[in-house]
Amino acid sequence: EVKKPEDTRLEKKPIEVWFQDELRAGQQGSLSRSWATRGTRPRRIRQRQFKSSYIFGAVCPRKDKGIALILPEVNAEAMQFHLDEISKNITNGYHAILVMDQAGWHLSGELKMPKNITPLSLPSYSPELNPMEQVNQQMRKLKLSNACYESYEEIDQACVEAWNGFISIKENIKRLCLRD
């Protein structure tokens, strides 16, 4: 006997698949490789203070679109802001499957999942399954490493520039995140 599912949010609606993750920027900085003359060790600046901001990012590779919020901390309240922003950016008439890891703030009972989003949790310890990891890696490599910030405002500005620089390149999201 086949039973009708109680949750009818997905009935007769086209689907968008979104991927979500957070990136911490600023705290102790990130080191990256740089070209140098053989046998030399060039000095690079590195953040030593414990200052950081978080980029809550989400992408829909098939539609080559993404959204992000720069927030001061990660918790259920910040995640709720992010979910609401993703919900606003889902194509009208579509329903979204939101793929994310199992961080505590993703699974919080405090979250009110928007009606046009169904969450899909990745297995534990499997970051390679989330294309947002490649987005975060590229932003770290190109914009957020080897830097020192005087204030939270500078960290936030660097995060904004990193995200906007990434999504401004046409089909960058598709190229980096779309899988066969």
N, C-alpha and C. Protein backbone atom coordinates (compact mmCIF):
# COMPACT_ATOMS: atom_id res chain seq x y z
N GLU A 1 0.83 -1.17 0.00
CA GLU A 1 0.00 0.00 0.00
C GLU A 1 0.89 1.25 0.00
N VAL A 2 0.61 2.17 -0.89
CA VAL A 2 1.36 3.41 -0.99
C VAL A 2 0.60 4.50 -0.24
N LYS A 3 1.31 5.14 0.69
CA LYS A 3 0.69 6.21 1.46
C LYS A 3 1.14 7.56 0.92
N LYS A 4 0.23 8.49 0.90
CA LYS A 4 0.56 9.84 0.49
C LYS A 4 1.37 10.52 1.59
N PRO A 5 2.49 11.16 1.23
CA PRO A 5 3.27 11.84 2.27
C PRO A 5 2.48 12.98 2.90
N GLU A 6 2.70 13.19 4.18
CA GLU A 6 2.01 14.27 4.88
C GLU A 6 2.50 15.64 4.43
N ASP A 7 3.79 15.74 4.10
CA ASP A 7 4.37 17.00 3.67
C ASP A 7 4.14 17.16 2.17
N THR A 8 3.29 18.11 1.81
CA THR A 8 2.94 18.30 0.39
C THR A 8 3.64 19.51 -0.22
N ARG A 9 4.70 20.03 0.43
CA ARG A 9 5.38 21.22 -0.09
C ARG A 9 5.98 20.98 -1.47
N LEU A 10 6.36 19.75 -1.79
CA LEU A 10 7.06 19.48 -3.04
C LEU A 10 6.13 19.11 -4.20
N GLU A 11 4.84 19.00 -3.93
CA GLU A 11 3.93 18.57 -4.98
C GLU A 11 3.90 19.55 -6.15
N LYS A 12 4.16 19.04 -7.35
CA LYS A 12 4.01 19.78 -8.60
C LYS A 12 4.78 21.10 -8.64
N LYS A 13 5.91 21.16 -7.99
CA LYS A 13 6.73 22.37 -8.05
C LYS A 13 8.09 22.00 -8.60
N PRO A 14 8.63 22.84 -9.49
CA PRO A 14 10.01 22.60 -9.92
C PRO A 14 10.96 22.84 -8.75
N ILE A 15 12.11 22.19 -8.82
CA ILE A 15 13.07 22.21 -7.71
C ILE A 15 14.34 22.98 -8.07
N GLU A 16 14.83 23.74 -7.12
CA GLU A 16 16.17 24.32 -7.18
C GLU A 16 16.98 23.65 -6.08
N VAL A 17 18.22 23.29 -6.37
CA VAL A 17 19.11 22.73 -5.35
C VAL A 17 20.10 23.81 -4.95
N TRP A 18 20.11 24.14 -3.67
CA TRP A 18 21.01 25.15 -3.11
C TRP A 18 21.98 24.46 -2.17
N PHE A 19 23.20 25.00 -2.07
CA PHE A 19 24.21 24.51 -1.14
C PHE A 19 24.58 25.67 -0.22
N GLN A 20 24.75 25.38 1.06
CA GLN A 20 24.98 26.42 2.05
C GLN A 20 26.16 26.04 2.93
N ASP A 21 26.93 27.05 3.35
CA ASP A 21 28.01 26.84 4.32
C ASP A 21 28.45 28.19 4.86
N GLU A 22 29.23 28.15 5.94
CA GLU A 22 29.76 29.37 6.54
C GLU A 22 31.28 29.38 6.41
N LEU A 23 31.82 30.57 6.34
CA LEU A 23 33.27 30.77 6.26
C LEU A 23 33.67 31.80 7.31
N ARG A 24 34.60 31.44 8.16
CA ARG A 24 35.12 32.40 9.14
C ARG A 24 36.29 33.14 8.51
N ALA A 25 36.29 34.45 8.63
CA ALA A 25 37.37 35.26 8.06
C ALA A 25 37.93 36.19 9.12
N GLY A 26 39.23 36.35 9.11
CA GLY A 26 39.88 37.32 9.96
C GLY A 26 40.63 36.73 11.13
N GLN A 27 40.03 35.82 11.87
CA GLN A 27 40.68 35.31 13.07
C GLN A 27 41.96 34.58 12.75
N GLN A 28 43.03 35.09 13.20
CA GLN A 28 44.36 34.52 13.00
C GLN A 28 44.71 34.39 11.52
N GLY A 29 43.84 34.84 10.64
CA GLY A 29 44.14 34.82 9.21
C GLY A 29 44.40 33.43 8.65
N SER A 30 44.63 33.37 7.37
CA SER A 30 44.98 32.12 6.69
C SER A 30 46.26 32.37 5.92
N LEU A 31 47.16 31.43 5.96
CA LEU A 31 48.37 31.54 5.17
C LEU A 31 48.15 30.85 3.83
N SER A 32 48.78 31.36 2.82
CA SER A 32 48.69 30.71 1.52
C SER A 32 50.06 30.77 0.85
N ARG A 33 50.22 30.01 -0.18
CA ARG A 33 51.48 29.96 -0.91
C ARG A 33 51.65 31.22 -1.75
N SER A 34 52.91 31.60 -1.97
CA SER A 34 53.20 32.71 -2.86
C SER A 34 54.51 32.42 -3.58
N TRP A 35 54.66 33.02 -4.76
CA TRP A 35 55.88 32.83 -5.54
C TRP A 35 57.03 33.59 -4.89
N ALA A 36 58.21 32.97 -4.90
CA ALA A 36 59.40 33.62 -4.37
C ALA A 36 60.63 33.02 -5.04
N THR A 37 61.72 33.76 -5.00
CA THR A 37 62.98 33.26 -5.55
C THR A 37 63.41 32.05 -4.74
N ARG A 38 63.90 31.02 -5.44
CA ARG A 38 64.34 29.79 -4.78
C ARG A 38 65.33 30.11 -3.66
N GLY A 39 65.10 29.49 -2.51
CA GLY A 39 65.98 29.67 -1.38
C GLY A 39 65.63 30.84 -0.48
N THR A 40 64.60 31.62 -0.85
CA THR A 40 64.19 32.75 0.00
C THR A 40 62.88 32.40 0.70
N ARG A 41 62.62 33.08 1.78
CA ARG A 41 61.37 32.92 2.53
C ARG A 41 60.79 34.32 2.73
N PRO A 42 59.95 34.76 1.80
CA PRO A 42 59.40 36.12 1.94
C PRO A 42 58.48 36.21 3.16
N ARG A 43 58.49 37.36 3.79
CA ARG A 43 57.61 37.58 4.94
C ARG A 43 56.21 37.93 4.43
N ARG A 44 55.22 37.43 5.15
CA ARG A 44 53.82 37.73 4.86
C ARG A 44 53.16 38.15 6.17
N ILE A 45 52.21 39.07 6.05
CA ILE A 45 51.51 39.49 7.26
C ILE A 45 50.46 38.45 7.63
N ARG A 46 50.16 38.39 8.92
CA ARG A 46 49.18 37.42 9.41
C ARG A 46 48.48 38.01 10.62
N GLN A 47 47.17 37.87 10.63
CA GLN A 47 46.36 38.38 11.74
C GLN A 47 46.70 37.60 13.01
N ARG A 48 46.96 38.30 14.10
CA ARG A 48 47.26 37.65 15.38
C ARG A 48 46.14 37.85 16.40
N GLN A 49 45.34 38.89 16.24
CA GLN A 49 44.24 39.13 17.16
C GLN A 49 43.10 38.16 16.87
N PHE A 50 42.23 38.02 17.86
CA PHE A 50 41.08 37.14 17.68
C PHE A 50 39.87 37.96 17.25
N LYS A 51 39.92 38.42 16.01
CA LYS A 51 38.80 39.16 15.42
C LYS A 51 38.33 38.36 14.22
N SER A 52 37.02 38.21 14.08
CA SER A 52 36.53 37.48 12.91
C SER A 52 35.09 37.85 12.61
N SER A 53 34.71 37.60 11.37
CA SER A 53 33.34 37.69 10.89
C SER A 53 33.06 36.41 10.12
N TYR A 54 31.82 36.19 9.80
CA TYR A 54 31.42 34.97 9.10
C TYR A 54 30.65 35.31 7.84
N ILE A 55 31.00 34.63 6.76
CA ILE A 55 30.23 34.74 5.53
C ILE A 55 29.28 33.54 5.50
N PHE A 56 27.99 33.80 5.62
CA PHE A 56 26.96 32.78 5.45
C PHE A 56 26.61 32.81 3.97
N GLY A 57 27.10 31.84 3.20
CA GLY A 57 26.89 31.84 1.76
C GLY A 57 26.06 30.68 1.29
N ALA A 58 25.35 30.89 0.20
CA ALA A 58 24.55 29.83 -0.42
C ALA A 58 24.57 30.05 -1.93
N VAL A 59 24.65 28.94 -2.67
CA VAL A 59 24.65 29.01 -4.13
C VAL A 59 23.68 28.00 -4.72
N CYS A 60 23.14 28.37 -5.87
CA CYS A 60 22.34 27.48 -6.69
C CYS A 60 23.09 27.34 -8.01
N PRO A 61 23.92 26.29 -8.14
CA PRO A 61 24.78 26.18 -9.33
C PRO A 61 24.03 26.11 -10.65
N ARG A 62 22.92 25.41 -10.69
CA ARG A 62 22.18 25.25 -11.95
C ARG A 62 21.73 26.61 -12.49
N LYS A 63 21.34 27.52 -11.59
CA LYS A 63 20.88 28.84 -12.02
C LYS A 63 21.97 29.91 -11.92
N ASP A 64 23.18 29.50 -11.51
CA ASP A 64 24.33 30.40 -11.41
C ASP A 64 24.02 31.63 -10.56
N LYS A 65 23.43 31.38 -9.38
CA LYS A 65 23.14 32.50 -8.49
C LYS A 65 23.56 32.16 -7.07
N GLY A 66 23.84 33.20 -6.31
CA GLY A 66 24.25 33.01 -4.94
C GLY A 66 23.91 34.21 -4.09
N ILE A 67 23.80 33.97 -2.78
CA ILE A 67 23.54 35.05 -1.84
C ILE A 67 24.42 34.83 -0.62
N ALA A 68 24.69 35.91 0.10
CA ALA A 68 25.48 35.79 1.32
C ALA A 68 25.10 36.88 2.30
N LEU A 69 25.31 36.58 3.56
CA LEU A 69 25.21 37.56 4.64
C LEU A 69 26.53 37.55 5.39
N ILE A 70 27.01 38.71 5.79
CA ILE A 70 28.21 38.82 6.61
C ILE A 70 27.70 39.08 8.03
N LEU A 71 27.99 38.15 8.94
CA LEU A 71 27.46 38.23 10.30
C LEU A 71 28.59 38.08 11.32
N PRO A 72 28.40 38.63 12.53
CA PRO A 72 29.48 38.60 13.52
C PRO A 72 29.69 37.27 14.23
N GLU A 73 28.70 36.38 14.18
CA GLU A 73 28.84 35.09 14.86
C GLU A 73 27.94 34.04 14.21
N VAL A 74 28.21 32.78 14.54
CA VAL A 74 27.36 31.70 14.05
C VAL A 74 26.52 31.18 15.21
N ASN A 75 25.21 31.15 15.00
CA ASN A 75 24.27 30.60 15.96
C ASN A 75 22.93 30.43 15.26
N ALA A 76 21.94 29.97 15.97
CA ALA A 76 20.64 29.71 15.35
C ALA A 76 19.99 30.99 14.83
N GLU A 77 20.15 32.09 15.54
CA GLU A 77 19.57 33.36 15.09
C GLU A 77 20.18 33.80 13.75
N ALA A 78 21.51 33.71 13.64
CA ALA A 78 22.18 34.06 12.39
C ALA A 78 21.73 33.13 11.27
N MET A 79 21.60 31.84 11.58
CA MET A 79 21.15 30.87 10.58
C MET A 79 19.74 31.18 10.12
N GLN A 80 18.88 31.64 11.03
CA GLN A 80 17.52 32.00 10.64
C GLN A 80 17.52 33.17 9.66
N PHE A 81 18.37 34.19 9.91
CA PHE A 81 18.49 35.30 8.96
C PHE A 81 18.90 34.78 7.59
N HIS A 82 19.84 33.84 7.60
CA HIS A 82 20.34 33.29 6.34
C HIS A 82 19.26 32.50 5.61
N LEU A 83 18.53 31.67 6.32
CA LEU A 83 17.44 30.90 5.71
C LEU A 83 16.39 31.83 5.09
N ASP A 84 16.06 32.89 5.81
CA ASP A 84 15.06 33.84 5.30
C ASP A 84 15.56 34.52 4.03
N GLU A 85 16.85 34.82 3.98
CA GLU A 85 17.43 35.46 2.79
C GLU A 85 17.45 34.49 1.60
N ILE A 86 17.81 33.24 1.86
CA ILE A 86 17.78 32.23 0.80
C ILE A 86 16.35 32.11 0.26
N SER A 87 15.39 32.04 1.17
CA SER A 87 13.98 31.90 0.78
C SER A 87 13.53 33.00 -0.16
N LYS A 88 13.97 34.23 0.09
CA LYS A 88 13.61 35.37 -0.76
C LYS A 88 14.21 35.25 -2.16
N ASN A 89 15.30 34.50 -2.29
CA ASN A 89 16.02 34.42 -3.57
C ASN A 89 15.71 33.17 -4.38
N ILE A 90 14.82 32.35 -3.90
CA ILE A 90 14.39 31.17 -4.66
C ILE A 90 13.44 31.65 -5.76
N THR A 91 13.62 31.15 -6.95
CA THR A 91 12.79 31.55 -8.08
C THR A 91 11.32 31.35 -7.76
N ASN A 92 10.50 32.34 -8.10
CA ASN A 92 9.05 32.24 -7.84
C ASN A 92 8.48 30.96 -8.45
N GLY A 93 7.67 30.26 -7.66
CA GLY A 93 7.04 29.03 -8.12
C GLY A 93 7.90 27.80 -7.93
N TYR A 94 9.13 27.97 -7.46
CA TYR A 94 10.04 26.85 -7.23
C TYR A 94 10.09 26.51 -5.74
N HIS A 95 10.55 25.31 -5.47
CA HIS A 95 10.85 24.87 -4.11
C HIS A 95 12.33 24.55 -4.06
N ALA A 96 12.98 24.82 -2.93
CA ALA A 96 14.43 24.60 -2.83
C ALA A 96 14.75 23.44 -1.90
N ILE A 97 15.71 22.64 -2.34
CA ILE A 97 16.34 21.66 -1.47
C ILE A 97 17.64 22.33 -1.03
N LEU A 98 17.82 22.52 0.27
CA LEU A 98 19.01 23.19 0.80
C LEU A 98 19.93 22.16 1.42
N VAL A 99 21.07 21.95 0.77
CA VAL A 99 22.06 20.97 1.22
C VAL A 99 23.04 21.67 2.16
N MET A 100 23.21 21.09 3.35
CA MET A 100 24.11 21.70 4.34
C MET A 100 24.66 20.63 5.27
N ASP A 101 25.72 21.01 5.98
CA ASP A 101 26.31 20.06 6.92
C ASP A 101 25.45 19.99 8.19
N GLN A 102 25.95 19.28 9.18
CA GLN A 102 25.15 19.06 10.39
C GLN A 102 25.64 19.90 11.57
N ALA A 103 26.04 21.13 11.30
CA ALA A 103 26.44 22.03 12.39
C ALA A 103 25.26 22.21 13.34
N GLY A 104 25.56 22.44 14.60
CA GLY A 104 24.52 22.55 15.61
C GLY A 104 23.47 23.60 15.31
N TRP A 105 23.89 24.74 14.76
CA TRP A 105 22.94 25.81 14.45
C TRP A 105 22.09 25.48 13.23
N HIS A 106 22.48 24.49 12.41
CA HIS A 106 21.66 24.06 11.28
C HIS A 106 20.52 23.15 11.75
N LEU A 107 20.74 22.48 12.86
CA LEU A 107 19.79 21.49 13.36
C LEU A 107 18.99 21.99 14.56
N SER A 108 19.16 23.25 14.90
CA SER A 108 18.52 23.82 16.08
C SER A 108 17.00 23.74 15.99
N GLY A 109 16.39 23.37 17.09
CA GLY A 109 14.93 23.35 17.16
C GLY A 109 14.33 24.75 17.11
N GLU A 110 15.17 25.78 17.29
CA GLU A 110 14.70 27.17 17.24
C GLU A 110 14.41 27.65 15.81
N LEU A 111 14.96 26.95 14.82
CA LEU A 111 14.81 27.40 13.43
C LEU A 111 13.39 27.20 12.93
N LYS A 112 12.91 28.19 12.19
CA LYS A 112 11.61 28.09 11.51
C LYS A 112 11.93 28.00 10.02
N MET A 113 11.88 26.79 9.49
CA MET A 113 12.23 26.57 8.09
C MET A 113 11.18 27.23 7.19
N PRO A 114 11.61 28.11 6.27
CA PRO A 114 10.65 28.71 5.33
C PRO A 114 9.91 27.62 4.54
N LYS A 115 8.68 27.92 4.14
CA LYS A 115 7.84 26.92 3.46
C LYS A 115 8.39 26.50 2.11
N ASN A 116 9.22 27.34 1.48
CA ASN A 116 9.74 26.99 0.16
C ASN A 116 11.13 26.35 0.22
N ILE A 117 11.54 25.88 1.42
CA ILE A 117 12.83 25.22 1.59
C ILE A 117 12.66 23.89 2.32
N THR A 118 13.30 22.85 1.80
CA THR A 118 13.42 21.58 2.50
C THR A 118 14.90 21.33 2.73
N PRO A 119 15.31 21.17 4.01
CA PRO A 119 16.73 20.94 4.28
C PRO A 119 17.14 19.50 3.97
N LEU A 120 18.38 19.34 3.55
CA LEU A 120 18.96 18.01 3.32
C LEU A 120 20.34 18.02 3.96
N SER A 121 20.51 17.23 5.02
CA SER A 121 21.79 17.20 5.74
C SER A 121 22.76 16.25 5.08
N LEU A 122 24.00 16.70 4.97
CA LEU A 122 25.07 15.85 4.47
C LEU A 122 25.52 14.89 5.57
N PRO A 123 26.11 13.76 5.21
CA PRO A 123 26.66 12.87 6.24
C PRO A 123 27.78 13.59 7.00
N SER A 124 27.99 13.19 8.23
CA SER A 124 29.06 13.78 9.03
C SER A 124 30.42 13.60 8.35
N TYR A 125 31.28 14.59 8.54
CA TYR A 125 32.66 14.55 8.05
C TYR A 125 32.75 14.30 6.55
N SER A 126 31.92 15.02 5.78
CA SER A 126 31.96 14.85 4.32
C SER A 126 31.93 16.20 3.60
N PRO A 127 32.87 17.10 3.91
CA PRO A 127 32.85 18.42 3.27
C PRO A 127 33.02 18.36 1.76
N GLU A 128 33.63 17.27 1.26
CA GLU A 128 33.83 17.16 -0.19
C GLU A 128 32.52 17.06 -0.96
N LEU A 129 31.41 16.79 -0.28
CA LEU A 129 30.11 16.69 -0.94
C LEU A 129 29.41 18.05 -1.07
N ASN A 130 29.96 19.08 -0.45
CA ASN A 130 29.35 20.40 -0.49
C ASN A 130 30.19 21.34 -1.35
N PRO A 131 29.69 21.73 -2.53
CA PRO A 131 30.44 22.63 -3.41
C PRO A 131 30.75 23.99 -2.78
N MET A 132 30.02 24.38 -1.75
CA MET A 132 30.32 25.64 -1.07
C MET A 132 31.72 25.63 -0.47
N GLU A 133 32.24 24.45 -0.18
CA GLU A 133 33.61 24.35 0.33
C GLU A 133 34.61 24.88 -0.71
N GLN A 134 34.36 24.61 -2.01
CA GLN A 134 35.24 25.13 -3.06
C GLN A 134 35.11 26.65 -3.18
N VAL A 135 33.91 27.16 -3.02
CA VAL A 135 33.70 28.60 -3.05
C VAL A 135 34.50 29.24 -1.91
N ASN A 136 34.36 28.70 -0.71
CA ASN A 136 35.08 29.24 0.45
C ASN A 136 36.59 29.16 0.26
N GLN A 137 37.04 28.04 -0.28
CA GLN A 137 38.48 27.86 -0.53
C GLN A 137 38.99 28.91 -1.52
N GLN A 138 38.22 29.16 -2.58
CA GLN A 138 38.65 30.15 -3.56
C GLN A 138 38.66 31.55 -2.97
N MET A 139 37.65 31.90 -2.16
CA MET A 139 37.63 33.23 -1.54
C MET A 139 38.81 33.40 -0.59
N ARG A 140 39.13 32.34 0.17
CA ARG A 140 40.30 32.41 1.06
C ARG A 140 41.57 32.62 0.24
N LYS A 141 41.71 31.84 -0.80
CA LYS A 141 42.92 31.87 -1.62
C LYS A 141 43.11 33.23 -2.30
N LEU A 142 42.04 33.77 -2.86
CA LEU A 142 42.17 34.98 -3.68
C LEU A 142 42.03 36.28 -2.90
N LYS A 143 41.27 36.29 -1.81
CA LYS A 143 40.97 37.57 -1.16
C LYS A 143 41.20 37.61 0.35
N LEU A 144 41.13 36.49 1.03
CA LEU A 144 41.08 36.55 2.48
C LEU A 144 42.32 36.01 3.19
N SER A 145 43.34 35.62 2.44
CA SER A 145 44.55 35.11 3.09
C SER A 145 45.64 36.18 3.08
N ASN A 146 46.65 35.96 3.91
CA ASN A 146 47.79 36.89 4.00
C ASN A 146 47.33 38.33 4.20
N ALA A 147 46.42 38.53 5.14
CA ALA A 147 45.89 39.86 5.40
C ALA A 147 45.85 40.13 6.90
N CYS A 148 45.91 41.38 7.26
CA CYS A 148 45.81 41.80 8.66
C CYS A 148 44.80 42.94 8.72
N TYR A 149 43.87 42.86 9.64
CA TYR A 149 42.79 43.82 9.72
C TYR A 149 42.88 44.60 11.03
N GLU A 150 42.60 45.88 10.96
CA GLU A 150 42.63 46.74 12.14
C GLU A 150 41.34 46.66 12.94
N SER A 151 40.22 46.36 12.27
CA SER A 151 38.92 46.40 12.95
C SER A 151 37.97 45.40 12.32
N TYR A 152 36.84 45.20 13.02
CA TYR A 152 35.80 44.34 12.48
C TYR A 152 35.26 44.89 11.16
N GLU A 153 35.19 46.21 11.06
CA GLU A 153 34.68 46.83 9.84
C GLU A 153 35.56 46.46 8.64
N GLU A 154 36.87 46.42 8.85
CA GLU A 154 37.78 46.03 7.76
C GLU A 154 37.59 44.56 7.39
N ILE A 155 37.36 43.71 8.38
CA ILE A 155 37.10 42.29 8.10
C ILE A 155 35.81 42.16 7.31
N ASP A 156 34.78 42.86 7.77
CA ASP A 156 33.49 42.81 7.06
C ASP A 156 33.64 43.28 5.62
N GLN A 157 34.38 44.38 5.42
CA GLN A 157 34.58 44.90 4.07
C GLN A 157 35.33 43.91 3.19
N ALA A 158 36.34 43.24 3.77
CA ALA A 158 37.08 42.22 3.01
C ALA A 158 36.16 41.06 2.63
N CYS A 159 35.25 40.68 3.54
CA CYS A 159 34.29 39.60 3.25
C CYS A 159 33.35 40.01 2.12
N VAL A 160 32.85 41.24 2.18
CA VAL A 160 31.96 41.74 1.12
C VAL A 160 32.69 41.73 -0.22
N GLU A 161 33.92 42.21 -0.25
CA GLU A 161 34.69 42.25 -1.49
C GLU A 161 34.98 40.84 -2.01
N ALA A 162 35.29 39.92 -1.11
CA ALA A 162 35.56 38.54 -1.52
C ALA A 162 34.32 37.91 -2.15
N TRP A 163 33.16 38.05 -1.49
CA TRP A 163 31.93 37.45 -2.01
C TRP A 163 31.52 38.12 -3.32
N ASN A 164 31.47 39.44 -3.33
CA ASN A 164 31.05 40.15 -4.54
C ASN A 164 32.01 39.89 -5.70
N GLY A 165 33.29 39.78 -5.41
CA GLY A 165 34.26 39.45 -6.45
C GLY A 165 34.02 38.06 -7.02
N PHE A 166 33.66 37.13 -6.16
CA PHE A 166 33.40 35.77 -6.63
C PHE A 166 32.16 35.70 -7.50
N ILE A 167 31.05 36.26 -7.03
CA ILE A 167 29.80 36.11 -7.80
C ILE A 167 29.71 37.05 -9.00
N SER A 168 30.58 38.06 -9.07
CA SER A 168 30.53 38.99 -10.20
C SER A 168 31.05 38.37 -11.49
N ILE A 169 31.80 37.29 -11.39
CA ILE A 169 32.33 36.64 -12.59
C ILE A 169 31.26 35.72 -13.15
N LYS A 170 30.83 36.03 -14.37
CA LYS A 170 29.75 35.27 -15.00
C LYS A 170 30.09 33.77 -15.04
N GLU A 171 29.13 32.96 -14.64
CA GLU A 171 29.21 31.50 -14.62
C GLU A 171 30.29 30.95 -13.69
N ASN A 172 30.79 31.77 -12.77
CA ASN A 172 31.78 31.31 -11.80
C ASN A 172 31.17 30.25 -10.88
N ILE A 173 29.93 30.47 -10.46
CA ILE A 173 29.26 29.50 -9.58
C ILE A 173 29.07 28.19 -10.32
N LYS A 174 28.58 28.24 -11.55
CA LYS A 174 28.40 27.01 -12.34
C LYS A 174 29.72 26.28 -12.53
N ARG A 175 30.76 27.03 -12.90
CA ARG A 175 32.06 26.42 -13.19
C ARG A 175 32.62 25.71 -11.96
N LEU A 176 32.49 26.33 -10.82
CA LEU A 176 33.10 25.78 -9.62
C LEU A 176 32.22 24.77 -8.87
N CYS A 177 30.90 24.91 -8.98
CA CYS A 177 29.99 24.15 -8.12
C CYS A 177 29.11 23.12 -8.80
N LEU A 178 28.94 23.21 -10.12
CA LEU A 178 28.01 22.30 -10.79
C LEU A 178 28.65 20.95 -11.00
N ARG A 179 27.91 19.91 -10.68
CA ARG A 179 28.39 18.53 -10.85
C ARG A 179 27.48 17.80 -11.82
N ASP A 180 28.06 16.85 -12.56
CA ASP A 180 27.26 16.02 -13.46
C ASP A 180 26.46 15.01 -12.63
